[in-house]
Amino acid sequence: MTESVVLTVTGMKCGGCETNVTDKLQAIDGIVSVKASSKDKTVSVDFDAEKTGLDAIKNAITGAGFTVQSS
């Protein structure tokens, strides 16, 4: 079952930051698609909820050096 989430992420300043976050997330089994925007400070992720979850996504983003804002 595919789920979608849009997270507010601070610390992304440029295209390189977007690529860093995208690469970290795409390395996770179950990630279907990623769209990171430093301009909008968002990361949109489509993922297979049977293979991964929100915690793994947030951990990958913080592991890349960025902060996920709580909603």
PDB file of N, CA and C in Angstrom:
ATOM      1  N   MET A   1       0.843  -1.186   0.000  1.00  0.00           N
ATOM      2  CA  MET A   1       0.000   0.000   0.000  1.00  0.00           C
ATOM      3  C   MET A   1       0.884   1.243   0.000  1.00  0.00           C
ATOM      4  N   THR A   2       0.724   2.076  -0.994  1.00  0.00           N
ATOM      5  CA  THR A   2       1.535   3.286  -1.114  1.00  0.00           C
ATOM      6  C   THR A   2       0.904   4.421  -0.323  1.00  0.00           C
ATOM      7  N   GLU A   3       1.739   5.087   0.465  1.00  0.00           N
ATOM      8  CA  GLU A   3       1.305   6.262   1.222  1.00  0.00           C
ATOM      9  C   GLU A   3       2.149   7.453   0.799  1.00  0.00           C
ATOM     10  N   SER A   4       1.644   8.638   1.066  1.00  0.00           N
ATOM     11  CA  SER A   4       2.357   9.868   0.739  1.00  0.00           C
ATOM     12  C   SER A   4       2.442  10.739   1.976  1.00  0.00           C
ATOM     13  N   VAL A   5       3.564  11.460   2.076  1.00  0.00           N
ATOM     14  CA  VAL A   5       3.741  12.395   3.177  1.00  0.00           C
ATOM     15  C   VAL A   5       4.524  13.600   2.662  1.00  0.00           C
ATOM     16  N   VAL A   6       4.174  14.782   3.179  1.00  0.00           N
ATOM     17  CA  VAL A   6       4.935  15.997   2.890  1.00  0.00           C
ATOM     18  C   VAL A   6       5.451  16.508   4.227  1.00  0.00           C
ATOM     19  N   LEU A   7       6.776  16.573   4.351  1.00  0.00           N
ATOM     20  CA  LEU A   7       7.412  17.008   5.588  1.00  0.00           C
ATOM     21  C   LEU A   7       8.048  18.374   5.409  1.00  0.00           C
ATOM     22  N   THR A   8       7.972  19.202   6.445  1.00  0.00           N
ATOM     23  CA  THR A   8       8.693  20.472   6.454  1.00  0.00           C
ATOM     24  C   THR A   8      10.091  20.193   6.978  1.00  0.00           C
ATOM     25  N   VAL A   9      11.093  20.572   6.175  1.00  0.00           N
ATOM     26  CA  VAL A   9      12.483  20.275   6.505  1.00  0.00           C
ATOM     27  C   VAL A   9      13.284  21.564   6.469  1.00  0.00           C
ATOM     28  N   THR A  10      13.973  21.866   7.561  1.00  0.00           N
ATOM     29  CA  THR A  10      14.796  23.065   7.595  1.00  0.00           C
ATOM     30  C   THR A  10      16.263  22.688   7.440  1.00  0.00           C
ATOM     31  N   GLY A  11      17.018  23.635   6.912  1.00  0.00           N
ATOM     32  CA  GLY A  11      18.446  23.439   6.725  1.00  0.00           C
ATOM     33  C   GLY A  11      18.847  23.246   5.273  1.00  0.00           C
ATOM     34  N   MET A  12      17.889  22.928   4.401  1.00  0.00           N
ATOM     35  CA  MET A  12      18.206  22.783   2.979  1.00  0.00           C
ATOM     36  C   MET A  12      18.353  24.178   2.377  1.00  0.00           C
ATOM     37  N   LYS A  13      19.499  24.419   1.733  1.00  0.00           N
ATOM     38  CA  LYS A  13      19.772  25.758   1.198  1.00  0.00           C
ATOM     39  C   LYS A  13      19.907  25.782  -0.325  1.00  0.00           C
ATOM     40  N   CYS A  14      20.141  24.593  -0.952  1.00  0.00           N
ATOM     41  CA  CYS A  14      20.472  24.598  -2.375  1.00  0.00           C
ATOM     42  C   CYS A  14      20.117  23.263  -3.022  1.00  0.00           C
ATOM     43  N   GLY A  15      20.381  23.188  -4.300  1.00  0.00           N
ATOM     44  CA  GLY A  15      20.136  21.959  -5.039  1.00  0.00           C
ATOM     45  C   GLY A  15      20.953  20.791  -4.520  1.00  0.00           C
ATOM     46  N   GLY A  16      22.148  21.070  -4.040  1.00  0.00           N
ATOM     47  CA  GLY A  16      22.980  20.008  -3.470  1.00  0.00           C
ATOM     48  C   GLY A  16      22.339  19.404  -2.232  1.00  0.00           C
ATOM     49  N   CYS A  17      21.715  20.236  -1.440  1.00  0.00           N
ATOM     50  CA  CYS A  17      20.996  19.747  -0.248  1.00  0.00           C
ATOM     51  C   CYS A  17      19.819  18.875  -0.666  1.00  0.00           C
ATOM     52  N   GLU A  18      19.094  19.327  -1.692  1.00  0.00           N
ATOM     53  CA  GLU A  18      17.964  18.544  -2.195  1.00  0.00           C
ATOM     54  C   GLU A  18      18.436  17.171  -2.667  1.00  0.00           C
ATOM     55  N   THR A  19      19.548  17.145  -3.392  1.00  0.00           N
ATOM     56  CA  THR A  19      20.105  15.885  -3.892  1.00  0.00           C
ATOM     57  C   THR A  19      20.535  14.985  -2.746  1.00  0.00           C
ATOM     58  N   ASN A  20      21.156  15.562  -1.725  1.00  0.00           N
ATOM     59  CA  ASN A  20      21.595  14.796  -0.563  1.00  0.00           C
ATOM     60  C   ASN A  20      20.410  14.099   0.102  1.00  0.00           C
ATOM     61  N   VAL A  21      19.339  14.838   0.356  1.00  0.00           N
ATOM     62  CA  VAL A  21      18.147  14.274   0.990  1.00  0.00           C
ATOM     63  C   VAL A  21      17.519  13.215   0.084  1.00  0.00           C
ATOM     64  N   THR A  22      17.408  13.520  -1.194  1.00  0.00           N
ATOM     65  CA  THR A  22      16.810  12.581  -2.151  1.00  0.00           C
ATOM     66  C   THR A  22      17.589  11.276  -2.195  1.00  0.00           C
ATOM     67  N   ASP A  23      18.918  11.374  -2.268  1.00  0.00           N
ATOM     68  CA  ASP A  23      19.757  10.166  -2.326  1.00  0.00           C
ATOM     69  C   ASP A  23      19.607   9.320  -1.068  1.00  0.00           C
ATOM     70  N   LYS A  24      19.587   9.959   0.097  1.00  0.00           N
ATOM     71  CA  LYS A  24      19.445   9.223   1.362  1.00  0.00           C
ATOM     72  C   LYS A  24      18.105   8.490   1.424  1.00  0.00           C
ATOM     73  N   LEU A  25      17.052   9.160   0.973  1.00  0.00           N
ATOM     74  CA  LEU A  25      15.728   8.548   1.029  1.00  0.00           C
ATOM     75  C   LEU A  25      15.581   7.433  -0.007  1.00  0.00           C
ATOM     76  N   GLN A  26      16.115   7.637  -1.200  1.00  0.00           N
ATOM     77  CA  GLN A  26      15.981   6.617  -2.235  1.00  0.00           C
ATOM     78  C   GLN A  26      16.769   5.353  -1.912  1.00  0.00           C
ATOM     79  N   ALA A  27      17.686   5.428  -0.972  1.00  0.00           N
ATOM     80  CA  ALA A  27      18.447   4.251  -0.552  1.00  0.00           C
ATOM     81  C   ALA A  27      17.620   3.330   0.356  1.00  0.00           C
ATOM     82  N   ILE A  28      16.476   3.813   0.821  1.00  0.00           N
ATOM     83  CA  ILE A  28      15.611   3.028   1.709  1.00  0.00           C
ATOM     84  C   ILE A  28      14.686   2.147   0.869  1.00  0.00           C
ATOM     85  N   ASP A  29      14.666   0.860   1.189  1.00  0.00           N
ATOM     86  CA  ASP A  29      13.764  -0.057   0.506  1.00  0.00           C
ATOM     87  C   ASP A  29      12.319   0.347   0.784  1.00  0.00           C
ATOM     88  N   GLY A  30      11.543   0.500  -0.264  1.00  0.00           N
ATOM     89  CA  GLY A  30      10.145   0.872  -0.107  1.00  0.00           C
ATOM     90  C   GLY A  30       9.833   2.296  -0.517  1.00  0.00           C
ATOM     91  N   ILE A  31      10.859   3.105  -0.758  1.00  0.00           N
ATOM     92  CA  ILE A  31      10.622   4.476  -1.217  1.00  0.00           C
ATOM     93  C   ILE A  31      10.265   4.425  -2.697  1.00  0.00           C
ATOM     94  N   VAL A  32       9.135   5.036  -3.047  1.00  0.00           N
ATOM     95  CA  VAL A  32       8.663   5.029  -4.427  1.00  0.00           C
ATOM     96  C   VAL A  32       9.148   6.287  -5.158  1.00  0.00           C
ATOM     97  N   SER A  33       8.984   7.452  -4.533  1.00  0.00           N
ATOM     98  CA  SER A  33       9.442   8.697  -5.137  1.00  0.00           C
ATOM     99  C   SER A  33       9.719   9.740  -4.061  1.00  0.00           C
ATOM    100  N   VAL A  34      10.612  10.682  -4.426  1.00  0.00           N
ATOM    101  CA  VAL A  34      11.000  11.755  -3.505  1.00  0.00           C
ATOM    102  C   VAL A  34      11.078  13.050  -4.294  1.00  0.00           C
ATOM    103  N   LYS A  35      10.561  14.124  -3.710  1.00  0.00           N
ATOM    104  CA  LYS A  35      10.725  15.455  -4.289  1.00  0.00           C
ATOM    105  C   LYS A  35      11.094  16.403  -3.153  1.00  0.00           C
ATOM    106  N   ALA A  36      12.338  16.865  -3.175  1.00  0.00           N
ATOM    107  CA  ALA A  36      12.810  17.793  -2.147  1.00  0.00           C
ATOM    108  C   ALA A  36      12.877  19.197  -2.737  1.00  0.00           C
ATOM    109  N   SER A  37      12.433  20.183  -1.973  1.00  0.00           N
ATOM    110  CA  SER A  37      12.459  21.573  -2.414  1.00  0.00           C
ATOM    111  C   SER A  37      13.068  22.454  -1.322  1.00  0.00           C
ATOM    112  N   SER A  38      14.265  22.976  -1.596  1.00  0.00           N
ATOM    113  CA  SER A  38      14.888  23.880  -0.630  1.00  0.00           C
ATOM    114  C   SER A  38      14.132  25.201  -0.579  1.00  0.00           C
ATOM    115  N   LYS A  39      13.545  25.609  -1.693  1.00  0.00           N
ATOM    116  CA  LYS A  39      12.780  26.852  -1.749  1.00  0.00           C
ATOM    117  C   LYS A  39      11.551  26.778  -0.846  1.00  0.00           C
ATOM    118  N   ASP A  40      10.810  25.668  -0.953  1.00  0.00           N
ATOM    119  CA  ASP A  40       9.587  25.506  -0.166  1.00  0.00           C
ATOM    120  C   ASP A  40       9.831  24.900   1.208  1.00  0.00           C
ATOM    121  N   LYS A  41      11.071  24.418   1.442  1.00  0.00           N
ATOM    122  CA  LYS A  41      11.431  23.745   2.696  1.00  0.00           C
ATOM    123  C   LYS A  41      10.567  22.517   2.931  1.00  0.00           C
ATOM    124  N   THR A  42      10.318  21.756   1.855  1.00  0.00           N
ATOM    125  CA  THR A  42       9.514  20.546   1.978  1.00  0.00           C
ATOM    126  C   THR A  42      10.192  19.362   1.304  1.00  0.00           C
ATOM    127  N   VAL A  43       9.835  18.193   1.793  1.00  0.00           N
ATOM    128  CA  VAL A  43      10.218  16.943   1.157  1.00  0.00           C
ATOM    129  C   VAL A  43       8.940  16.111   1.032  1.00  0.00           C
ATOM    130  N   SER A  44       8.589  15.782  -0.200  1.00  0.00           N
ATOM    131  CA  SER A  44       7.414  14.957  -0.483  1.00  0.00           C
ATOM    132  C   SER A  44       7.896  13.546  -0.776  1.00  0.00           C
ATOM    133  N   VAL A  45       7.298  12.577  -0.108  1.00  0.00           N
ATOM    134  CA  VAL A  45       7.735  11.187  -0.250  1.00  0.00           C
ATOM    135  C   VAL A  45       6.527  10.280  -0.458  1.00  0.00           C
ATOM    136  N   ASP A  46       6.619   9.435  -1.485  1.00  0.00           N
ATOM    137  CA  ASP A  46       5.661   8.355  -1.679  1.00  0.00           C
ATOM    138  C   ASP A  46       6.392   7.084  -1.297  1.00  0.00           C
ATOM    139  N   PHE A  47       5.758   6.239  -0.470  1.00  0.00           N
ATOM    140  CA  PHE A  47       6.451   5.049   0.011  1.00  0.00           C
ATOM    141  C   PHE A  47       5.499   3.885   0.208  1.00  0.00           C
ATOM    142  N   ASP A  48       6.070   2.687   0.157  1.00  0.00           N
ATOM    143  CA  ASP A  48       5.318   1.455   0.405  1.00  0.00           C
ATOM    144  C   ASP A  48       5.302   1.234   1.911  1.00  0.00           C
ATOM    145  N   ALA A  49       4.146   1.411   2.514  1.00  0.00           N
ATOM    146  CA  ALA A  49       4.011   1.337   3.973  1.00  0.00           C
ATOM    147  C   ALA A  49       4.276  -0.063   4.520  1.00  0.00           C
ATOM    148  N   GLU A  50       4.290  -1.072   3.658  1.00  0.00           N
ATOM    149  CA  GLU A  50       4.596  -2.424   4.113  1.00  0.00           C
ATOM    150  C   GLU A  50       6.104  -2.655   4.212  1.00  0.00           C
ATOM    151  N   LYS A  51       6.893  -1.768   3.599  1.00  0.00           N
ATOM    152  CA  LYS A  51       8.350  -1.928   3.604  1.00  0.00           C
ATOM    153  C   LYS A  51       9.080  -0.903   4.459  1.00  0.00           C
ATOM    154  N   THR A  52       8.504   0.275   4.607  1.00  0.00           N
ATOM    155  CA  THR A  52       9.153   1.324   5.402  1.00  0.00           C
ATOM    156  C   THR A  52       8.086   2.221   6.007  1.00  0.00           C
ATOM    157  N   GLY A  53       8.521   3.140   6.857  1.00  0.00           N
ATOM    158  CA  GLY A  53       7.564   4.009   7.527  1.00  0.00           C
ATOM    159  C   GLY A  53       8.103   5.403   7.759  1.00  0.00           C
ATOM    160  N   LEU A  54       7.298   6.186   8.401  1.00  0.00           N
ATOM    161  CA  LEU A  54       7.615   7.590   8.644  1.00  0.00           C
ATOM    162  C   LEU A  54       8.875   7.756   9.491  1.00  0.00           C
ATOM    163  N   ASP A  55       9.071   6.895  10.484  1.00  0.00           N
ATOM    164  CA  ASP A  55      10.259   7.010  11.333  1.00  0.00           C
ATOM    165  C   ASP A  55      11.542   6.836  10.520  1.00  0.00           C
ATOM    166  N   ALA A  56      11.568   5.863   9.626  1.00  0.00           N
ATOM    167  CA  ALA A  56      12.750   5.632   8.791  1.00  0.00           C
ATOM    168  C   ALA A  56      13.007   6.822   7.870  1.00  0.00           C
ATOM    169  N   ILE A  57      11.944   7.413   7.365  1.00  0.00           N
ATOM    170  CA  ILE A  57      12.072   8.582   6.483  1.00  0.00           C
ATOM    171  C   ILE A  57      12.645   9.758   7.265  1.00  0.00           C
ATOM    172  N   LYS A  58      12.081  10.022   8.430  1.00  0.00           N
ATOM    173  CA  LYS A  58      12.576  11.128   9.260  1.00  0.00           C
ATOM    174  C   LYS A  58      14.018  10.893   9.685  1.00  0.00           C
ATOM    175  N   ASN A  59      14.360   9.659  10.053  1.00  0.00           N
ATOM    176  CA  ASN A  59      15.733   9.347  10.466  1.00  0.00           C
ATOM    177  C   ASN A  59      16.725   9.562   9.333  1.00  0.00           C
ATOM    178  N   ALA A  60      16.339   9.228   8.107  1.00  0.00           N
ATOM    179  CA  ALA A  60      17.220   9.436   6.955  1.00  0.00           C
ATOM    180  C   ALA A  60      17.464  10.928   6.719  1.00  0.00           C
ATOM    181  N   ILE A  61      16.419  11.734   6.876  1.00  0.00           N
ATOM    182  CA  ILE A  61      16.558  13.182   6.673  1.00  0.00           C
ATOM    183  C   ILE A  61      17.446  13.791   7.755  1.00  0.00           C
ATOM    184  N   THR A  62      17.213  13.421   9.010  1.00  0.00           N
ATOM    185  CA  THR A  62      18.058  13.965  10.083  1.00  0.00           C
ATOM    186  C   THR A  62      19.487  13.426   9.964  1.00  0.00           C
ATOM    187  N   GLY A  63      19.619  12.189   9.489  1.00  0.00           N
ATOM    188  CA  GLY A  63      20.948  11.618   9.272  1.00  0.00           C
ATOM    189  C   GLY A  63      21.720  12.343   8.183  1.00  0.00           C
ATOM    190  N   ALA A  64      21.002  12.983   7.274  1.00  0.00           N
ATOM    191  CA  ALA A  64      21.640  13.764   6.211  1.00  0.00           C
ATOM    192  C   ALA A  64      22.009  15.163   6.700  1.00  0.00           C
ATOM    193  N   GLY A  65      21.631  15.484   7.947  1.00  0.00           N
ATOM    194  CA  GLY A  65      22.023  16.768   8.523  1.00  0.00           C
ATOM    195  C   GLY A  65      20.947  17.834   8.545  1.00  0.00           C
ATOM    196  N   PHE A  66      19.713  17.438   8.311  1.00  0.00           N
ATOM    197  CA  PHE A  66      18.627  18.411   8.267  1.00  0.00           C
ATOM    198  C   PHE A  66      17.621  18.143   9.380  1.00  0.00           C
ATOM    199  N   THR A  67      16.726  19.097   9.607  1.00  0.00           N
ATOM    200  CA  THR A  67      15.768  18.991  10.695  1.00  0.00           C
ATOM    201  C   THR A  67      14.365  18.844  10.146  1.00  0.00           C
ATOM    202  N   VAL A  68      13.652  17.827  10.625  1.00  0.00           N
ATOM    203  CA  VAL A  68      12.247  17.643  10.266  1.00  0.00           C
ATOM    204  C   VAL A  68      11.407  18.346  11.318  1.00  0.00           C
ATOM    205  N   GLN A  69      10.562  19.250  10.866  1.00  0.00           N
ATOM    206  CA  GLN A  69       9.710  19.994  11.779  1.00  0.00           C
ATOM    207  C   GLN A  69       8.506  19.135  12.175  1.00  0.00           C
ATOM    208  N   SER A  70       8.141  19.198  13.430  1.00  0.00           N
ATOM    209  CA  SER A  70       6.960  18.469  13.905  1.00  0.00           C
ATOM    210  C   SER A  70       5.707  19.187  13.440  1.00  0.00           C
ATOM    211  N   SER A  71       4.669  18.399  13.112  1.00  0.00           N
ATOM    212  CA  SER A  71       3.425  19.041  12.693  1.00  0.00           C
ATOM    213  C   SER A  71       2.419  19.043  13.799  1.00  0.00           C
TER     214      SER A  71
END
